[in-house]
């Protein structure tokens, strides 16, 4: 047990990757990177994709057993607070990334780098103004899926320990990089190839979640809100191909959050 506790981060990622990749690599080899979102594929992929997404949470459950509750899942999840929480960080968690993406698309259009201004992706754009309440319902309902499956592990457990051991920036870099790697079998199943832009974009977004999580008093619910903002955006909001302006604005926003973190830490030391 002592060895598991000593190397708890290594074991956490080992179990998370093993569980998730077992299901997702099976999906990838079955579909050969040609899975689609049509109804037949959707129902065929629903179970293995969901079980794979549970990897981080199941990994924590395994560690709870191995450490005889030295690591406790319920204790980590209990840090997701709505009441008595610093709710001002909920707003940027929900809206910051979508606003950055929409603004990036608008600027690309103004500069002539995008042929037409698109705000909503193909399919949901048929809903017209009703896409807004549909997005809200999707956002709220989906908080109990990927955000709850992943964030107790990524931010609630791994980030806390990694930043404590290696510092704020290195801890975030490790979490963001491994988060990107972890997603690759799922992405490849749908024909989404890894790119340098995709890597930097996801790692920067991970840094954003980390900062919002820390600034909110390590409230796991803030991380869940930020996480789901991407999930809902990916389905409903048009994302331009390798939009450099979006990436630059995202990195700039992360820089502002990091400065705020530094100032907050400095004030606490005083």
Protein backbone atom coordinates (compact mmCIF):
# COMPACT_ATOMS: atom_id res chain seq x y z
CA UNK A 1 0.00 0.00 0.00
CA UNK A 2 2.83 2.41 0.83
CA UNK A 3 4.25 2.02 -2.68
CA UNK A 4 0.87 2.84 -4.22
CA UNK A 5 0.59 5.97 -2.08
CA UNK A 6 4.15 7.04 -2.92
CA UNK A 7 3.55 6.68 -6.66
CA UNK A 8 -0.15 7.51 -6.59
CA UNK A 9 0.00 9.85 -9.60
CA UNK A 10 1.77 7.22 -11.71
CA UNK A 11 -0.78 4.59 -10.72
CA UNK A 12 -3.67 6.98 -11.33
CA UNK A 13 -2.63 7.69 -14.91
CA UNK A 14 -1.69 4.07 -15.53
CA UNK A 15 -5.16 2.82 -14.56
CA UNK A 16 -6.96 5.70 -16.29
CA UNK A 17 -5.15 5.11 -19.58
CA UNK A 18 -5.50 1.33 -19.35
CA UNK A 19 -9.27 1.49 -18.80
CA UNK A 20 -9.99 4.22 -21.35
CA UNK A 21 -7.70 3.00 -24.09
CA UNK A 22 -8.95 -0.58 -23.80
CA UNK A 23 -12.38 0.59 -24.96
CA UNK A 24 -11.28 3.36 -27.30
CA UNK A 25 -8.59 1.41 -29.13
CA UNK A 26 -11.16 -1.32 -29.68
CA UNK A 27 -13.45 1.29 -31.24
CA UNK A 28 -10.63 2.63 -33.37
CA UNK A 29 -9.59 -0.75 -34.77
CA UNK A 30 -13.22 -1.71 -35.44
CA UNK A 31 -14.09 1.49 -37.33
CA UNK A 32 -10.63 2.19 -38.74
CA UNK A 33 -10.96 5.90 -38.06
CA UNK A 34 -14.19 6.13 -40.08
CA UNK A 35 -16.82 6.36 -37.35
CA UNK A 36 -19.59 8.85 -37.98
CA UNK A 37 -22.31 10.47 -35.93
CA UNK A 38 -25.19 8.80 -37.79
CA UNK A 39 -27.72 6.93 -35.66
CA UNK A 40 -26.31 3.44 -36.27
CA UNK A 41 -22.75 4.41 -35.32
CA UNK A 42 -23.94 6.53 -32.42
CA UNK A 43 -25.67 3.70 -30.59
CA UNK A 44 -22.86 1.26 -31.40
CA UNK A 45 -20.29 3.68 -29.97
CA UNK A 46 -22.30 4.92 -26.99
CA UNK A 47 -21.40 2.14 -24.55
CA UNK A 48 -17.65 1.76 -25.25
CA UNK A 49 -17.11 5.52 -25.54
CA UNK A 50 -18.89 6.11 -22.20
CA UNK A 51 -17.03 3.31 -20.45
CA UNK A 52 -13.78 4.72 -21.77
CA UNK A 53 -14.64 8.19 -20.50
CA UNK A 54 -15.14 6.71 -17.03
CA UNK A 55 -11.43 5.81 -16.92
CA UNK A 56 -10.28 8.64 -14.58
CA UNK A 57 -13.13 8.11 -12.12
CA UNK A 58 -12.70 4.32 -12.12
CA UNK A 59 -8.97 4.80 -11.64
CA UNK A 60 -9.66 6.80 -8.48
CA UNK A 61 -12.02 4.05 -7.29
CA UNK A 62 -9.24 1.48 -7.75
CA UNK A 63 -6.79 3.67 -5.84
CA UNK A 64 -9.35 4.04 -3.06
CA UNK A 65 -9.41 0.25 -2.67
CA UNK A 66 -5.65 -0.19 -2.94
CA UNK A 67 -4.91 2.57 -0.40
CA UNK A 68 -7.74 1.57 1.96
CA UNK A 69 -9.37 4.97 1.52
CA UNK A 70 -6.23 7.04 1.95
CA UNK A 71 -7.44 8.34 -1.38
CA UNK A 72 -11.22 8.74 -1.16
CA UNK A 73 -13.39 9.33 -4.20
CA UNK A 74 -16.33 10.86 -2.33
CA UNK A 75 -14.04 13.32 -0.60
CA UNK A 76 -12.68 14.50 -3.95
CA UNK A 77 -16.15 14.78 -5.49
CA UNK A 78 -17.38 16.69 -2.44
CA UNK A 79 -15.11 19.58 -3.45
CA UNK A 80 -17.61 20.31 -6.26
CA UNK A 81 -19.61 23.05 -4.57
CA UNK A 82 -22.50 25.22 -5.71
CA UNK A 83 -23.76 26.59 -2.43
CA UNK A 84 -21.27 28.63 -0.41
CA UNK A 85 -19.04 28.79 -3.49
CA UNK A 86 -17.22 31.72 -5.06
CA UNK A 87 -19.72 31.86 -7.93
CA UNK A 88 -18.08 34.73 -9.77
CA UNK A 89 -15.73 32.22 -11.40
CA UNK A 90 -18.69 30.25 -12.78
CA UNK A 91 -19.27 32.96 -15.41
CA UNK A 92 -15.84 32.81 -17.11
CA UNK A 93 -15.86 29.03 -16.73
CA UNK A 94 -19.05 28.83 -18.82
CA UNK A 95 -18.61 31.68 -21.28
CA UNK A 96 -14.92 32.55 -21.71
CA UNK A 97 -13.92 29.88 -24.22
CA UNK A 98 -17.08 30.11 -26.38
CA UNK A 99 -16.67 33.90 -26.54
CA UNK A 100 -13.02 33.51 -27.57
CA UNK A 101 -13.95 31.05 -30.33
CA UNK A 102 -16.80 33.21 -31.68
CA UNK A 103 -14.58 36.30 -31.59
CA UNK A 104 -11.83 34.38 -33.39
CA UNK A 105 -14.26 33.33 -36.11
CA UNK A 106 -15.50 36.93 -36.47
CA UNK A 107 -11.97 38.33 -36.80
CA UNK A 108 -11.01 35.65 -39.35
CA UNK A 109 -14.03 36.69 -41.41
CA UNK A 110 -13.21 40.42 -41.16
CA UNK A 111 -9.64 39.72 -42.29
CA UNK A 112 -10.91 37.73 -45.26
CA UNK A 113 -9.35 34.47 -44.06
CA UNK A 114 -12.80 32.86 -43.77
CA UNK A 115 -15.15 32.88 -46.74
CA UNK A 116 -18.30 33.45 -44.69
CA UNK A 117 -19.18 34.25 -41.12
CA UNK A 118 -20.48 31.14 -39.39
CA UNK A 119 -21.47 31.06 -35.75
CA UNK A 120 -23.38 27.77 -35.43
CA UNK A 121 -22.15 24.51 -36.90
CA UNK A 122 -23.98 22.63 -39.65
CA UNK A 123 -27.02 20.77 -38.35
CA UNK A 124 -27.79 22.77 -35.21
CA UNK A 125 -27.93 25.91 -37.37
CA UNK A 126 -31.31 24.62 -38.65
CA UNK A 127 -32.77 25.36 -35.21
CA UNK A 128 -32.41 29.10 -35.65
CA UNK A 129 -32.85 31.09 -32.46
CA UNK A 130 -34.04 27.95 -30.67
CA UNK A 131 -30.46 26.68 -30.71
CA UNK A 132 -29.81 28.80 -27.60
CA UNK A 133 -32.21 26.99 -25.21
CA UNK A 134 -31.13 23.65 -26.72
CA UNK A 135 -27.50 24.54 -25.96
CA UNK A 136 -28.45 25.43 -22.38
CA UNK A 137 -30.26 22.13 -21.86
CA UNK A 138 -27.38 20.18 -23.40
CA UNK A 139 -24.88 22.01 -21.19
CA UNK A 140 -26.76 21.33 -17.95
CA UNK A 141 -27.58 17.71 -18.73
CA UNK A 142 -24.03 16.87 -19.85
CA UNK A 143 -22.41 18.00 -16.59
CA UNK A 144 -23.05 14.51 -15.20
CA UNK A 145 -21.16 12.84 -18.05
CA UNK A 146 -17.62 13.77 -19.14
CA UNK A 147 -17.06 16.57 -16.59
CA UNK A 148 -18.07 14.33 -13.69
CA UNK A 149 -16.24 11.31 -15.15
CA UNK A 150 -12.99 13.20 -15.73
CA UNK A 151 -12.56 16.25 -13.51
CA UNK A 152 -12.35 14.46 -10.13
CA UNK A 153 -9.27 12.75 -11.57
CA UNK A 154 -7.68 15.51 -13.66
CA UNK A 155 -8.15 18.57 -11.47
CA UNK A 156 -9.52 17.15 -8.20
CA UNK A 157 -6.66 14.66 -7.78
CA UNK A 158 -3.83 14.89 -10.32
CA UNK A 159 -3.49 18.68 -10.59
CA UNK A 160 -3.52 19.21 -6.84
CA UNK A 161 -0.70 16.71 -6.31
CA UNK A 162 1.36 17.65 -9.37
CA UNK A 163 1.27 21.39 -8.66
CA UNK A 164 2.14 20.68 -5.04
CA UNK A 165 5.18 18.63 -6.12
CA UNK A 166 6.38 20.44 -9.26
CA UNK A 167 4.89 23.93 -9.13
CA UNK A 168 1.96 25.59 -10.85
CA UNK A 169 3.22 25.71 -14.44
CA UNK A 170 4.88 22.29 -14.65
CA UNK A 171 1.92 20.68 -12.90
CA UNK A 172 -0.47 22.22 -15.43
CA UNK A 173 1.78 21.23 -18.33
CA UNK A 174 1.80 17.58 -17.24
CA UNK A 175 -1.99 17.49 -16.77
CA UNK A 176 -2.67 19.23 -20.09
CA UNK A 177 -0.24 17.11 -22.09
CA UNK A 178 -1.51 13.81 -20.70
CA UNK A 179 -5.10 14.98 -21.15
CA UNK A 180 -4.37 15.54 -24.86
CA UNK A 181 -2.64 12.15 -25.21
CA UNK A 182 -5.48 10.41 -23.37
CA UNK A 183 -8.04 11.67 -25.91
CA UNK A 184 -6.18 10.52 -29.03
CA UNK A 185 -7.72 7.03 -29.54
CA UNK A 186 -11.20 8.59 -29.28
CA UNK A 187 -10.25 11.35 -31.71
CA UNK A 188 -8.69 8.92 -34.18
CA UNK A 189 -11.86 6.81 -34.12
CA UNK A 190 -13.69 9.77 -35.67
CA UNK A 191 -10.87 10.57 -38.07
CA UNK A 192 -9.54 13.54 -36.09
CA UNK A 193 -5.79 13.47 -36.64
CA UNK A 194 -3.35 14.85 -34.04
CA UNK A 195 -1.85 18.20 -35.02
CA UNK A 196 0.50 20.73 -33.43
CA UNK A 197 -2.32 23.27 -33.39
CA UNK A 198 -4.66 20.77 -31.71
CA UNK A 199 -2.04 20.00 -29.07
CA UNK A 200 -1.35 23.62 -28.16
CA UNK A 201 -5.06 24.48 -28.22
CA UNK A 202 -6.02 21.67 -25.85
CA UNK A 203 -3.10 22.25 -23.50
CA UNK A 204 -3.90 25.99 -23.36
CA UNK A 205 -7.54 25.17 -22.63
CA UNK A 206 -6.39 22.79 -19.88
CA UNK A 207 -4.30 25.61 -18.39
CA UNK A 208 -7.44 27.76 -18.43
CA UNK A 209 -9.43 25.15 -16.52
CA UNK A 210 -6.58 24.77 -14.01
CA UNK A 211 -6.47 28.51 -13.31
CA UNK A 212 -10.23 28.84 -12.93
CA UNK A 213 -10.19 25.81 -10.62
CA UNK A 214 -7.47 27.33 -8.44
CA UNK A 215 -8.94 30.84 -8.41
CA UNK A 216 -12.33 29.51 -7.35
CA UNK A 217 -10.79 27.99 -4.22
CA UNK A 218 -10.18 24.61 -5.88
CA UNK A 219 -13.89 24.17 -6.50
CA UNK A 220 -14.29 21.09 -8.68
CA UNK A 221 -17.63 22.37 -9.98
CA UNK A 222 -15.87 25.33 -11.62
CA UNK A 223 -13.60 22.90 -13.48
CA UNK A 224 -16.66 20.86 -14.53
CA UNK A 225 -18.36 23.98 -15.92
CA UNK A 226 -15.28 24.97 -17.91
CA UNK A 227 -14.86 21.42 -19.19
CA UNK A 228 -18.45 21.25 -20.41
CA UNK A 229 -18.20 24.64 -22.09
CA UNK A 230 -15.92 22.93 -24.61
CA UNK A 231 -18.19 19.90 -24.95
CA UNK A 232 -21.23 22.01 -25.77
CA UNK A 233 -19.22 24.35 -27.98
CA UNK A 234 -17.85 21.42 -30.00
CA UNK A 235 -21.38 20.29 -30.88
CA UNK A 236 -23.09 23.63 -31.51
CA UNK A 237 -20.59 26.40 -32.25
CA UNK A 238 -18.60 26.58 -35.47
CA UNK A 239 -14.87 26.16 -34.88
CA UNK A 240 -12.65 27.49 -37.65
CA UNK A 241 -9.87 25.26 -38.94
CA UNK A 242 -6.66 26.02 -37.01
CA UNK A 243 -7.73 29.55 -36.14
CA UNK A 244 -4.49 31.12 -34.92
CA UNK A 245 -6.27 34.20 -33.59
CA UNK A 246 -8.44 32.01 -31.36
CA UNK A 247 -5.34 30.28 -30.01
CA UNK A 248 -3.55 33.58 -29.39
CA UNK A 249 -6.57 34.99 -27.53
CA UNK A 250 -6.88 31.80 -25.47
CA UNK A 251 -3.21 31.95 -24.49
CA UNK A 252 -3.60 35.63 -23.66
CA UNK A 253 -6.59 34.90 -21.43
CA UNK A 254 -4.64 32.13 -19.70
CA UNK A 255 -1.83 34.64 -19.12
CA UNK A 256 -4.25 37.02 -17.40
CA UNK A 257 -5.58 34.22 -15.22
CA UNK A 258 -2.04 33.18 -14.26
CA UNK A 259 -1.20 36.74 -13.28
CA UNK A 260 -4.33 36.80 -11.13
CA UNK A 261 -3.27 33.51 -9.53
CA UNK A 262 0.19 34.93 -8.80
CA UNK A 263 -1.28 38.06 -7.22
CA UNK A 264 -3.73 36.03 -5.15
CA UNK A 265 -0.95 33.77 -3.88
CA UNK A 266 1.23 36.78 -3.06
CA UNK A 267 -1.59 38.43 -1.10
CA UNK A 268 -2.13 35.25 0.93
CA UNK A 269 1.56 35.08 1.80
CA UNK A 270 1.38 38.62 3.14
